[in-house]
Amino acid sequence: MPERPPPNPVPQSSIPGYRPAPYLTRGNKWLLASFFFIPTISYIWLKRLEAKSRQENKIMEEEGRKNWIQTERQRLASKDLSVTVGRSGGGV
């Protein structure tokens, strides 16, 4: 059985000493990395922004509720509860 030569990872070329350029050049690597990292980072940033906005809305609603309750209490406390007593004109 004839022995096979070990597989050569570099493709053979008819030009001696010529090595073809690698498929993933530096520019291609940056492009592929940007396809993954830019959307991921954007998603994370937008989620944090949304969470911050929700938190601010929640705080504003709580402050609004507290102010509303306080004004209602003040309105009820300052309300004149006196009743005018007069003759009804009829009765027993």
Protein backbone atom coordinates (compact mmCIF):
# COMPACT_ATOMS: atom_id res chain seq x y z
CA MET A 1 0.00 0.00 0.00
CA PRO A 2 1.51 3.34 -0.95
CA GLU A 3 1.81 5.91 1.79
CA ARG A 4 -0.07 9.14 1.42
CA PRO A 5 1.73 12.40 2.01
CA PRO A 6 0.41 14.36 5.01
CA PRO A 7 -2.34 16.80 4.11
CA ASN A 8 -1.06 20.27 3.45
CA PRO A 9 -3.33 23.03 4.85
CA VAL A 10 -1.97 25.55 2.35
CA PRO A 11 -3.50 25.02 -1.10
CA GLN A 12 -1.03 24.16 -3.79
CA SER A 13 -0.34 26.75 -6.44
CA SER A 14 1.40 26.57 -9.79
CA ILE A 15 3.48 29.59 -8.78
CA PRO A 16 6.34 28.53 -6.51
CA GLY A 17 6.43 30.30 -3.15
CA TYR A 18 2.98 31.82 -3.64
CA ARG A 19 0.67 31.64 -0.68
CA PRO A 20 -2.90 32.80 -1.26
CA ALA A 21 -4.26 35.41 1.12
CA PRO A 22 -6.27 34.08 4.04
CA TYR A 23 -10.02 34.28 3.72
CA LEU A 24 -10.45 36.09 7.02
CA THR A 25 -8.30 39.12 6.57
CA ARG A 26 -8.14 41.83 9.21
CA GLY A 27 -10.89 43.82 7.47
CA ASN A 28 -13.16 40.78 7.19
CA LYS A 29 -12.62 39.97 10.85
CA TRP A 30 -13.60 43.52 11.84
CA LEU A 31 -16.67 43.33 9.60
CA LEU A 32 -17.80 40.02 11.11
CA ALA A 33 -17.13 41.29 14.62
CA SER A 34 -19.14 44.45 13.93
CA PHE A 35 -22.09 42.35 12.70
CA PHE A 36 -22.18 40.71 16.11
CA PHE A 37 -21.04 43.37 18.56
CA ILE A 38 -22.78 46.50 17.27
CA PRO A 39 -26.33 45.06 17.47
CA THR A 40 -25.56 43.39 20.80
CA ILE A 41 -24.19 46.56 22.37
CA SER A 42 -27.04 48.61 20.90
CA TYR A 43 -29.60 46.17 22.33
CA ILE A 44 -28.02 46.31 25.79
CA TRP A 45 -27.82 50.11 25.67
CA LEU A 46 -31.45 50.48 24.57
CA LYS A 47 -32.65 48.06 27.26
CA ARG A 48 -30.82 50.05 29.94
CA LEU A 49 -32.31 53.27 28.55
CA GLU A 50 -35.80 51.74 28.61
CA ALA A 51 -35.34 50.50 32.19
CA LYS A 52 -34.13 53.94 33.26
CA SER A 53 -37.15 55.57 31.61
CA ARG A 54 -39.52 53.15 33.33
CA GLN A 55 -37.89 53.84 36.69
CA GLU A 56 -38.22 57.60 36.17
CA ASN A 57 -41.89 57.19 35.20
CA LYS A 58 -42.50 55.09 38.30
CA ILE A 59 -40.87 57.72 40.53
CA MET A 60 -42.90 60.50 38.90
CA GLU A 61 -46.14 58.54 39.39
CA GLU A 62 -45.32 57.91 43.05
CA GLU A 63 -44.57 61.60 43.61
CA GLY A 64 -47.81 62.52 41.84
CA ARG A 65 -49.79 60.15 44.04
CA LYS A 66 -48.18 61.52 47.19
CA ASN A 67 -48.91 65.10 46.13
CA TRP A 68 -52.49 64.22 45.26
CA ILE A 69 -53.05 62.53 48.63
CA GLN A 70 -51.50 65.50 50.41
CA THR A 71 -53.71 68.02 48.59
CA GLU A 72 -56.81 65.91 49.30
CA ARG A 73 -55.94 65.79 53.00
CA GLN A 74 -55.37 69.54 53.06
CA ARG A 75 -58.62 70.15 51.22
CA LEU A 76 -60.55 67.97 53.66
CA ALA A 77 -58.83 69.54 56.68
CA SER A 78 -59.60 73.07 55.55
CA LYS A 79 -63.16 72.28 54.52
CA ASP A 80 -65.79 74.06 56.56
CA LEU A 81 -67.83 71.37 58.24
CA SER A 82 -70.18 73.76 60.03
CA VAL A 83 -73.85 73.36 59.34
CA THR A 84 -76.29 76.24 59.40
CA VAL A 85 -79.06 75.56 61.80
CA GLY A 86 -82.37 77.11 60.98
CA ARG A 87 -86.01 76.39 61.21
CA SER A 88 -87.27 74.02 58.66
CA GLY A 89 -90.74 75.41 58.80
CA GLY A 90 -92.39 72.17 59.53
CA GLY A 91 -92.02 69.25 61.77
CA VAL A 92 -93.47 67.72 64.78
